[in-house]
Protein backbone atom coordinates (compact mmCIF):
# COMPACT_ATOMS: atom_id res chain seq x y z
CA MET A 1 31.64 26.48 48.82
CA ILE A 2 28.53 25.78 46.76
CA GLN A 3 25.46 25.20 48.89
CA ASN A 4 22.46 23.57 47.24
CA ARG A 5 19.52 24.06 49.63
CA ARG A 6 16.20 22.26 49.62
CA LYS A 7 13.92 23.27 52.49
CA PHE A 8 11.03 21.23 53.77
CA ILE A 9 8.92 22.45 56.70
CA LYS A 10 6.23 20.35 58.31
CA GLN A 11 3.98 21.82 60.99
CA LEU A 12 3.46 18.99 63.46
CA GLY A 13 0.19 19.35 65.34
CA ALA A 14 -1.99 16.91 67.23
CA GLY A 15 -1.31 13.31 66.29
CA ALA A 16 2.18 14.11 65.02
CA PHE A 17 5.31 14.85 67.03
CA THR A 18 3.64 16.42 70.06
CA ALA A 19 3.09 13.01 71.64
CA ALA A 20 6.76 12.21 71.23
CA ILE A 21 7.92 15.21 73.27
CA THR A 22 7.72 14.55 76.99
CA PRO A 23 6.37 17.13 79.46
CA GLN A 24 9.67 17.40 81.35
CA LEU A 25 11.30 18.93 78.28
CA TYR A 26 8.96 21.91 78.36
CA SER A 27 8.85 22.34 82.10
CA CYS A 28 12.57 23.14 82.09
CA SER A 29 12.61 25.12 78.88
CA GLN A 30 11.76 28.81 78.92
CA LYS A 31 12.01 29.37 75.18
CA GLU A 32 12.08 27.51 71.90
CA VAL A 33 14.88 24.97 71.66
CA ARG A 34 16.37 23.94 68.33
CA LEU A 35 18.22 20.67 67.84
CA SER A 36 20.30 20.34 64.66
CA ILE A 37 20.80 16.79 63.38
CA LEU A 38 23.54 16.33 60.76
CA HIS A 39 23.97 13.00 59.01
CA THR A 40 25.84 11.09 56.30
CA ASN A 41 25.59 7.58 54.91
CA ASP A 42 27.43 5.33 52.46
CA VAL A 43 30.44 7.63 52.18
CA HIS A 44 32.42 4.63 50.86
CA SER A 45 35.93 5.96 51.51
CA GLN A 46 35.37 9.08 49.39
CA ILE A 47 38.12 11.09 51.05
CA GLU A 48 38.63 13.55 48.21
CA PRO A 49 35.96 15.25 46.10
CA LEU A 50 34.61 13.42 43.09
CA PRO A 51 36.43 14.10 39.80
CA SER A 52 35.77 17.35 37.97
CA ASP A 53 34.43 15.35 35.03
CA HIS A 54 31.92 13.34 37.10
CA TYR A 55 28.74 12.85 35.09
CA LYS A 56 26.41 14.36 37.73
CA TYR A 57 28.28 15.68 40.76
CA PRO A 58 31.60 17.17 39.59
CA ASN A 59 33.86 18.05 42.54
CA GLY A 60 31.16 16.89 44.95
CA GLY A 61 31.88 15.65 48.44
CA GLY A 62 35.23 15.29 50.17
CA PHE A 63 36.13 15.32 53.86
CA ALA A 64 37.73 18.77 53.83
CA LYS A 65 34.65 20.50 52.45
CA ARG A 66 32.35 18.55 54.76
CA ALA A 67 34.47 19.51 57.76
CA ALA A 68 34.26 23.19 56.84
CA LEU A 69 30.48 22.95 56.44
CA VAL A 70 29.99 21.09 59.73
CA ASP A 71 32.18 23.62 61.54
CA LYS A 72 30.09 26.47 60.13
CA ILE A 73 26.84 24.83 61.23
CA ARG A 74 28.23 24.24 64.71
CA GLN A 75 29.21 27.89 65.00
CA GLU A 76 25.69 28.94 64.03
CA ASN A 77 23.77 26.43 66.17
CA GLU A 78 24.03 25.66 69.87
CA HIS A 79 22.76 22.06 69.91
CA VAL A 80 24.21 19.89 67.14
CA LEU A 81 24.58 16.12 66.69
CA LEU A 82 26.49 14.48 63.80
CA PHE A 83 25.81 10.86 62.82
CA ASP A 84 26.79 8.34 60.15
CA CYS A 85 24.59 5.45 59.03
CA GLY A 86 27.15 2.95 57.80
CA ASP A 87 29.24 1.85 54.81
CA ILE A 88 32.04 4.16 55.79
CA PHE A 89 34.49 1.79 54.08
CA GLN A 90 35.15 0.52 50.55
CA GLY A 91 35.03 2.30 47.21
CA THR A 92 38.36 4.09 46.66
CA PRO A 93 42.06 3.17 46.84
CA TYR A 94 42.25 4.89 50.23
CA PHE A 95 40.42 1.94 51.74
CA ASN A 96 42.53 -0.59 49.84
CA PHE A 97 45.72 0.97 51.19
CA TYR A 98 44.77 2.15 54.71
CA LYS A 99 42.09 -0.51 55.48
CA GLY A 100 39.71 2.07 56.99
CA GLU A 101 42.18 3.78 59.31
CA LEU A 102 42.08 7.07 57.42
CA GLU A 103 38.28 7.19 57.37
CA ILE A 104 38.04 6.56 61.12
CA LYS A 105 40.71 9.14 61.96
CA LEU A 106 39.07 11.80 59.78
CA MET A 107 35.64 11.13 61.24
CA SER A 108 37.11 11.36 64.74
CA LYS A 109 38.73 14.68 63.91
CA LEU A 110 35.48 15.94 62.38
CA GLY A 111 33.74 15.14 65.67
CA TYR A 112 31.12 12.59 64.76
CA ASP A 113 28.90 11.85 67.75
CA ALA A 114 28.11 8.27 66.71
CA ALA A 115 27.84 5.88 63.76
CA THR A 116 26.36 2.50 63.01
CA ILE A 117 28.00 -0.37 61.14
CA GLY A 118 27.23 -1.10 57.47
CA ASN A 119 27.85 -4.33 55.60
CA HIS A 120 30.97 -2.99 53.86
CA GLU A 121 32.65 -2.42 57.20
CA PHE A 122 33.23 -6.20 57.18
CA ASP A 123 35.00 -6.26 53.79
CA ASN A 124 38.42 -6.93 55.35
CA GLY A 125 37.02 -9.26 57.97
CA ILE A 126 35.85 -8.77 61.53
CA GLU A 127 39.35 -8.80 63.05
CA GLU A 128 40.49 -5.93 60.85
CA LEU A 129 37.25 -4.05 61.59
CA ALA A 130 37.93 -4.40 65.30
CA LYS A 131 41.44 -2.96 64.82
CA GLN A 132 40.02 0.10 63.09
CA LEU A 133 37.19 0.67 65.56
CA GLN A 134 39.73 0.74 68.38
CA LYS A 135 41.05 3.96 66.83
CA ALA A 136 37.66 5.71 66.78
CA LYS A 137 37.04 8.60 69.15
CA PHE A 138 33.28 8.22 68.74
CA PRO A 139 31.01 5.25 69.53
CA PHE A 140 29.58 2.72 67.11
CA ILE A 141 26.00 1.87 68.02
CA CYS A 142 24.72 -1.57 66.98
CA SER A 143 21.45 -2.65 68.56
CA ASN A 144 20.67 -5.79 66.53
CA TYR A 145 24.15 -7.25 66.01
CA ILE A 146 25.43 -9.42 68.86
CA PHE A 147 29.23 -9.63 68.82
CA LYS A 148 29.73 -12.09 71.68
CA ASN A 149 32.76 -14.33 71.13
CA THR A 150 34.02 -12.16 68.26
CA PRO A 151 36.83 -9.58 68.08
CA LEU A 152 34.14 -6.86 68.29
CA GLU A 153 32.81 -8.02 71.67
CA ASN A 154 32.37 -5.02 74.00
CA MET A 155 33.45 -2.60 71.26
CA THR A 156 29.99 -1.33 70.30
CA LEU A 157 27.00 0.05 72.21
CA PRO A 158 23.38 -1.15 71.98
CA PHE A 159 22.20 2.47 72.37
CA LYS A 160 23.41 5.83 73.61
CA THR A 161 21.80 8.97 75.00
CA PHE A 162 22.87 12.54 74.30
CA THR A 163 21.78 15.60 76.28
CA LYS A 164 21.56 18.86 74.37
CA GLY A 165 20.26 21.67 76.56
CA PRO A 166 16.91 20.47 77.94
CA ILE A 167 16.59 17.76 75.26
CA LYS A 168 17.58 14.17 75.91
CA VAL A 169 18.05 12.20 72.68
CA GLY A 170 18.14 8.42 72.55
CA VAL A 171 19.97 6.78 69.63
CA MET A 172 19.97 3.17 68.43
CA GLY A 173 21.72 1.53 65.46
CA LEU A 174 20.18 -1.09 63.17
CA GLY A 175 22.15 -3.20 60.69
CA ILE A 176 21.11 -5.23 57.69
CA GLU A 177 21.18 -9.04 57.67
CA LEU A 178 24.73 -10.04 56.74
CA ASP A 179 24.09 -13.66 55.77
CA GLY A 180 23.84 -13.81 51.98
CA LEU A 181 25.22 -10.29 51.62
CA VAL A 182 28.67 -10.73 53.19
CA ASN A 183 30.80 -13.87 53.19
CA GLN A 184 30.33 -15.63 56.51
CA ASP A 185 34.05 -15.81 57.15
CA ARG A 186 34.12 -11.98 57.13
CA PHE A 187 31.60 -11.49 59.95
CA GLY A 188 32.35 -14.69 61.89
CA ASN A 189 30.06 -15.40 64.83
CA THR A 190 28.17 -12.12 64.59
CA GLN A 191 24.53 -12.77 65.44
CA TYR A 192 21.81 -10.85 63.61
CA LEU A 193 18.57 -10.09 65.45
CA ASN A 194 15.28 -8.98 63.90
CA PRO A 195 15.63 -5.17 63.67
CA ILE A 196 11.93 -4.44 64.20
CA GLU A 197 11.76 -6.51 67.38
CA VAL A 198 14.99 -4.99 68.68
CA ALA A 199 13.92 -1.46 67.73
CA ASN A 200 10.63 -1.76 69.62
CA LYS A 201 12.37 -3.07 72.73
CA THR A 202 15.17 -0.49 72.59
CA ALA A 203 12.89 2.46 71.85
CA LYS A 204 10.60 1.50 74.75
CA LEU A 205 13.62 1.37 77.07
CA LEU A 206 14.87 4.75 75.84
CA LYS A 207 11.45 6.35 76.25
CA GLU A 208 10.27 4.82 79.53
CA GLU A 209 13.45 4.00 81.46
CA LYS A 210 15.95 6.52 80.09
CA ASN A 211 13.35 9.30 79.83
CA CYS A 212 14.40 10.37 76.35
CA ASP A 213 12.50 13.22 74.74
CA TYR A 214 13.39 12.20 71.18
CA ILE A 215 14.46 8.85 69.70
CA ILE A 216 16.54 8.40 66.55
CA ALA A 217 17.40 5.18 64.72
CA LEU A 218 20.62 5.10 62.69
CA SER A 219 19.70 2.53 60.06
CA HIS A 220 21.63 0.58 57.47
CA LEU A 221 18.55 -1.41 56.46
CA GLY A 222 17.76 0.45 53.23
CA PHE A 223 14.95 2.92 52.48
CA LYS A 224 12.37 0.57 50.90
CA TYR A 225 12.09 -2.60 48.82
CA ASP A 226 9.52 -4.22 46.55
CA ASP A 227 9.43 -7.36 48.69
CA GLU A 228 8.94 -7.99 52.41
CA LYS A 229 12.56 -7.30 53.31
CA VAL A 230 12.90 -5.07 56.37
CA SER A 231 13.41 -1.45 55.33
CA ASP A 232 13.22 1.97 56.95
CA ILE A 233 9.61 2.25 55.78
CA LYS A 234 8.67 -1.08 57.39
CA LEU A 235 10.63 -0.18 60.51
CA ALA A 236 8.67 3.06 60.88
CA GLU A 237 5.31 1.37 60.27
CA ASN A 238 5.94 -1.38 62.81
CA THR A 239 7.41 0.51 65.76
CA SER A 240 5.89 2.83 68.37
CA PHE A 241 8.44 5.21 69.89
CA ILE A 242 10.96 6.06 67.17
CA ASP A 243 10.69 9.70 66.05
CA MET A 244 13.28 9.77 63.27
CA ILE A 245 15.09 7.24 61.08
CA LEU A 246 18.34 8.27 59.39
CA GLY A 247 19.07 5.69 56.73
CA GLY A 248 21.66 4.15 54.48
CA HIS A 249 22.50 1.14 52.30
CA THR A 250 20.22 1.88 49.31
CA HIS A 251 22.08 5.09 48.33
CA THR A 252 18.77 6.91 48.15
CA PHE A 253 19.07 10.59 47.28
CA MET A 254 16.08 12.18 49.02
CA SER A 255 15.22 15.79 48.23
CA GLU A 256 13.03 15.89 51.33
CA PRO A 257 12.24 13.51 54.19
CA GLU A 258 9.45 10.96 54.03
CA THR A 259 6.86 10.94 56.81
CA VAL A 260 5.30 7.60 57.78
CA LYS A 261 2.68 6.75 60.40
CA ASN A 262 3.88 4.33 63.06
CA LYS A 263 1.92 1.59 64.89
CA ILE A 264 0.11 4.11 67.07
CA GLY A 265 -0.58 6.67 64.35
CA LYS A 266 2.28 9.07 65.09
CA ASN A 267 4.62 10.50 62.49
CA VAL A 268 8.12 9.11 61.90
CA VAL A 269 10.48 11.16 59.73
CA ILE A 270 12.82 9.18 57.44
CA ASN A 271 15.78 10.71 55.61
CA GLN A 272 18.79 9.50 53.58
CA VAL A 273 21.38 11.48 51.61
CA GLY A 274 22.60 9.27 48.79
CA LYS A 275 26.25 8.23 48.87
CA SER A 276 29.91 9.30 48.67
CA GLY A 277 29.46 12.26 51.01
CA ILE A 278 28.06 14.35 48.18
CA PHE A 279 25.35 15.67 50.48
CA LEU A 280 25.18 16.44 54.18
CA GLY A 281 21.77 15.96 55.75
CA HIS A 282 20.67 18.72 58.12
CA LEU A 283 17.41 18.41 60.05
CA ASP A 284 16.52 21.21 62.47
CA ILE A 285 13.91 20.26 65.06
CA THR A 286 12.37 23.18 66.94
CA PHE A 287 10.57 22.46 70.20
CA SER A 288 8.36 25.22 71.62
CA LYS A 289 8.03 25.64 75.37
CA ASP A 290 4.31 24.79 75.40
CA ALA A 291 4.72 21.73 73.11
CA SER A 292 2.55 23.27 70.40
CA ASN A 293 3.43 22.93 66.71
CA PRO A 294 6.97 21.54 66.85
CA THR A 295 8.55 21.94 63.42
CA ILE A 296 11.20 20.25 61.33
CA LEU A 297 13.24 22.18 58.79
CA ASN A 298 15.24 20.10 56.34
CA THR A 299 18.21 21.56 54.50
CA THR A 300 20.16 19.14 52.32
CA TYR A 301 23.59 20.62 51.67
CA HIS A 302 25.55 19.88 48.52
CA VAL A 303 29.05 19.52 49.91
């Protein structure tokens, strides 16, 4: 398997990630703790690798190769989380024929910890989406979509926490506005809430009530835009407690994460890995026992 590695290390001192790591994490940790975050976005039903004659990424991607890579990383790392940031569906005949069932079953077998919903998940309508989500063995997290009185009611979570060793991670999911992007008859009575307002409220809950040490947003908002549309950049700039944003929607191939100051001057790391499962994002976060100089190592794998 070809592995194309780009490494990006940021030493995070005062005014960076130290404020985001709570004291209880270090009081119970006797050594450095490393958390490995794996992520995909906009896979778009790319079950098999891209064609050998693809103009830029011949033989790139594919579920089988990704599964082998994820398995290897899990064998080498104790604390691993695997997320997807939406647009799992649409793009190849596999979706046209299986309506998303194959994608969900493969992701379940691969052991995804959570995903958020992208706009293309609604391409066959909300009833069909509900049928497919019933087959998932991992949760879908949607913080700013309200599915009351729809087939998706009670089928998603507004947030979820994961405990990895001494680290408690809080995760939210933020979706793009569907009106004007998706036909209304496809998403029905789904209610869209302002993602920045929801993110601030959810992150505060995760930090102060759920006692999370680290907070991640799974976003399908898009990396950035030329206008005032809500993006990952705007989300980071206008929130207080989010530590990391894993993005999707804009198919942005990032060779290294972007770091943005939030409302209170702390760093938020933003990353996105293009589309079609060509790359697997891998962010290692190392927490030292005395909370000094936490580091992030980014390795973007060419699948």
